[in-house]
């Protein structure tokens, strides 16, 4: 199977207010209520990043042919943009 690297479409950001701060503790929380990364600094400040889940394919989908319980052939599943149909009156 072939693996594909997916590049992020968003741009990176920097936080100048955090430059030079000394980290005291880092916490990561991942439960049913929220997912967050909290960084506590020596100057009694902290920053908290909350995350939303996002699903992406790590490899392209494949259409397989199974014979006798074994995959005997597979090919990459092609895609195309969704075309929206407009009803005419």
C-alpha atoms as a PDB file:
ATOM      1  CA  UNK A   1       0.000   0.000   0.000  1.00  0.00           C
ATOM      2  CA  UNK A   2       1.134   3.489  -0.814  1.00  0.00           C
ATOM      3  CA  UNK A   3       1.109   6.183   1.873  1.00  0.00           C
ATOM      4  CA  UNK A   4       0.402   9.796   1.076  1.00  0.00           C
ATOM      5  CA  UNK A   5       1.540  12.855   3.009  1.00  0.00           C
ATOM      6  CA  UNK A   6      -1.255  15.395   3.350  1.00  0.00           C
ATOM      7  CA  UNK A   7      -0.180  19.017   3.616  1.00  0.00           C
ATOM      8  CA  UNK A   8      -2.122  21.346   5.894  1.00  0.00           C
ATOM      9  CA  UNK A   9      -4.070  24.003   4.008  1.00  0.00           C
ATOM     10  CA  UNK A  10      -3.960  26.506   6.863  1.00  0.00           C
ATOM     11  CA  UNK A  11      -1.121  28.813   7.728  1.00  0.00           C
ATOM     12  CA  UNK A  12       1.007  28.663  10.869  1.00  0.00           C
ATOM     13  CA  UNK A  13       0.856  31.375  13.500  1.00  0.00           C
ATOM     14  CA  UNK A  14       3.231  32.761  16.099  1.00  0.00           C
ATOM     15  CA  UNK A  15       2.493  34.204  19.538  1.00  0.00           C
ATOM     16  CA  UNK A  16       4.993  37.014  20.213  1.00  0.00           C
ATOM     17  CA  UNK A  17       3.621  37.538  23.768  1.00  0.00           C
ATOM     18  CA  UNK A  18       4.973  34.081  24.697  1.00  0.00           C
ATOM     19  CA  UNK A  19       8.555  34.642  23.475  1.00  0.00           C
ATOM     20  CA  UNK A  20      11.176  34.327  26.205  1.00  0.00           C
ATOM     21  CA  UNK A  21       8.810  32.887  28.829  1.00  0.00           C
ATOM     22  CA  UNK A  22      10.147  30.012  30.941  1.00  0.00           C
ATOM     23  CA  UNK A  23       7.881  26.959  31.045  1.00  0.00           C
ATOM     24  CA  UNK A  24       7.033  25.536  34.480  1.00  0.00           C
ATOM     25  CA  UNK A  25       4.535  22.828  33.506  1.00  0.00           C
ATOM     26  CA  UNK A  26       2.720  21.473  30.443  1.00  0.00           C
ATOM     27  CA  UNK A  27      -0.651  19.702  30.682  1.00  0.00           C
ATOM     28  CA  UNK A  28      -2.630  17.909  27.977  1.00  0.00           C
ATOM     29  CA  UNK A  29      -6.295  17.022  28.602  1.00  0.00           C
ATOM     30  CA  UNK A  30      -8.278  14.801  26.245  1.00  0.00           C
ATOM     31  CA  UNK A  31     -11.685  13.819  27.614  1.00  0.00           C
ATOM     32  CA  UNK A  32     -15.308  13.833  26.457  1.00  0.00           C
ATOM     33  CA  UNK A  33     -15.798  17.513  27.377  1.00  0.00           C
ATOM     34  CA  UNK A  34     -12.793  19.050  25.620  1.00  0.00           C
ATOM     35  CA  UNK A  35      -9.223  18.615  24.384  1.00  0.00           C
ATOM     36  CA  UNK A  36      -6.691  21.224  25.488  1.00  0.00           C
ATOM     37  CA  UNK A  37      -3.003  21.916  25.861  1.00  0.00           C
ATOM     38  CA  UNK A  38      -2.146  24.238  28.781  1.00  0.00           C
ATOM     39  CA  UNK A  39       1.319  25.701  29.337  1.00  0.00           C
ATOM     40  CA  UNK A  40       2.069  27.287  32.727  1.00  0.00           C
ATOM     41  CA  UNK A  41       4.992  29.729  32.961  1.00  0.00           C
ATOM     42  CA  UNK A  42       7.325  30.718  35.823  1.00  0.00           C
ATOM     43  CA  UNK A  43       5.887  34.261  35.881  1.00  0.00           C
ATOM     44  CA  UNK A  44       2.482  32.892  37.098  1.00  0.00           C
ATOM     45  CA  UNK A  45       0.816  33.162  33.667  1.00  0.00           C
ATOM     46  CA  UNK A  46      -0.525  30.390  31.485  1.00  0.00           C
ATOM     47  CA  UNK A  47      -1.742  29.859  27.956  1.00  0.00           C
ATOM     48  CA  UNK A  48      -4.411  27.367  26.959  1.00  0.00           C
ATOM     49  CA  UNK A  49      -5.093  25.965  23.494  1.00  0.00           C
ATOM     50  CA  UNK A  50      -8.406  24.144  22.944  1.00  0.00           C
ATOM     51  CA  UNK A  51      -8.684  21.804  19.981  1.00  0.00           C
ATOM     52  CA  UNK A  52     -11.494  20.545  17.766  1.00  0.00           C
ATOM     53  CA  UNK A  53     -11.263  17.137  16.134  1.00  0.00           C
ATOM     54  CA  UNK A  54     -10.765  16.894  12.400  1.00  0.00           C
ATOM     55  CA  UNK A  55     -10.762  13.744  10.307  1.00  0.00           C
ATOM     56  CA  UNK A  56      -8.499  13.301   7.271  1.00  0.00           C
ATOM     57  CA  UNK A  57      -7.562  10.326   5.127  1.00  0.00           C
ATOM     58  CA  UNK A  58      -3.951   9.229   5.597  1.00  0.00           C
ATOM     59  CA  UNK A  59      -4.016   7.199   2.362  1.00  0.00           C
ATOM     60  CA  UNK A  60      -6.176   7.380  -0.718  1.00  0.00           C
ATOM     61  CA  UNK A  61      -9.229   5.078  -0.602  1.00  0.00           C
ATOM     62  CA  UNK A  62      -8.949   1.843  -2.572  1.00  0.00           C
ATOM     63  CA  UNK A  63     -11.512  -0.385  -4.267  1.00  0.00           C
ATOM     64  CA  UNK A  64     -10.553  -4.029  -3.731  1.00  0.00           C
ATOM     65  CA  UNK A  65     -11.557  -7.301  -5.389  1.00  0.00           C
ATOM     66  CA  UNK A  66     -11.857 -10.203  -2.934  1.00  0.00           C
ATOM     67  CA  UNK A  67     -11.626 -13.834  -4.083  1.00  0.00           C
ATOM     68  CA  UNK A  68     -11.774 -16.721  -1.623  1.00  0.00           C
ATOM     69  CA  UNK A  69     -11.364 -14.356   1.322  1.00  0.00           C
ATOM     70  CA  UNK A  70      -8.168 -12.790  -0.082  1.00  0.00           C
ATOM     71  CA  UNK A  71      -7.647  -9.454  -1.777  1.00  0.00           C
ATOM     72  CA  UNK A  72      -6.477 -10.305  -5.285  1.00  0.00           C
ATOM     73  CA  UNK A  73      -6.531  -6.839  -6.826  1.00  0.00           C
ATOM     74  CA  UNK A  74      -6.980  -3.269  -5.735  1.00  0.00           C
ATOM     75  CA  UNK A  75      -6.951   0.131  -7.349  1.00  0.00           C
ATOM     76  CA  UNK A  76      -7.081   3.699  -6.142  1.00  0.00           C
ATOM     77  CA  UNK A  77     -10.595   5.116  -5.981  1.00  0.00           C
ATOM     78  CA  UNK A  78     -10.819   8.199  -8.205  1.00  0.00           C
ATOM     79  CA  UNK A  79     -12.594  11.340  -7.039  1.00  0.00           C
ATOM     80  CA  UNK A  80     -14.310  14.327  -8.636  1.00  0.00           C
ATOM     81  CA  UNK A  81     -15.905  17.484  -7.263  1.00  0.00           C
ATOM     82  CA  UNK A  82     -19.558  17.300  -6.259  1.00  0.00           C
ATOM     83  CA  UNK A  83     -21.783  19.043  -8.774  1.00  0.00           C
ATOM     84  CA  UNK A  84     -24.898  20.619  -7.369  1.00  0.00           C
ATOM     85  CA  UNK A  85     -28.026  20.168  -9.422  1.00  0.00           C
ATOM     86  CA  UNK A  86     -30.392  23.090  -9.646  1.00  0.00           C
ATOM     87  CA  UNK A  87     -34.065  22.343 -10.262  1.00  0.00           C
ATOM     88  CA  UNK A  88     -35.498  24.219 -13.226  1.00  0.00           C
ATOM     89  CA  UNK A  89     -39.049  25.497 -13.242  1.00  0.00           C
END
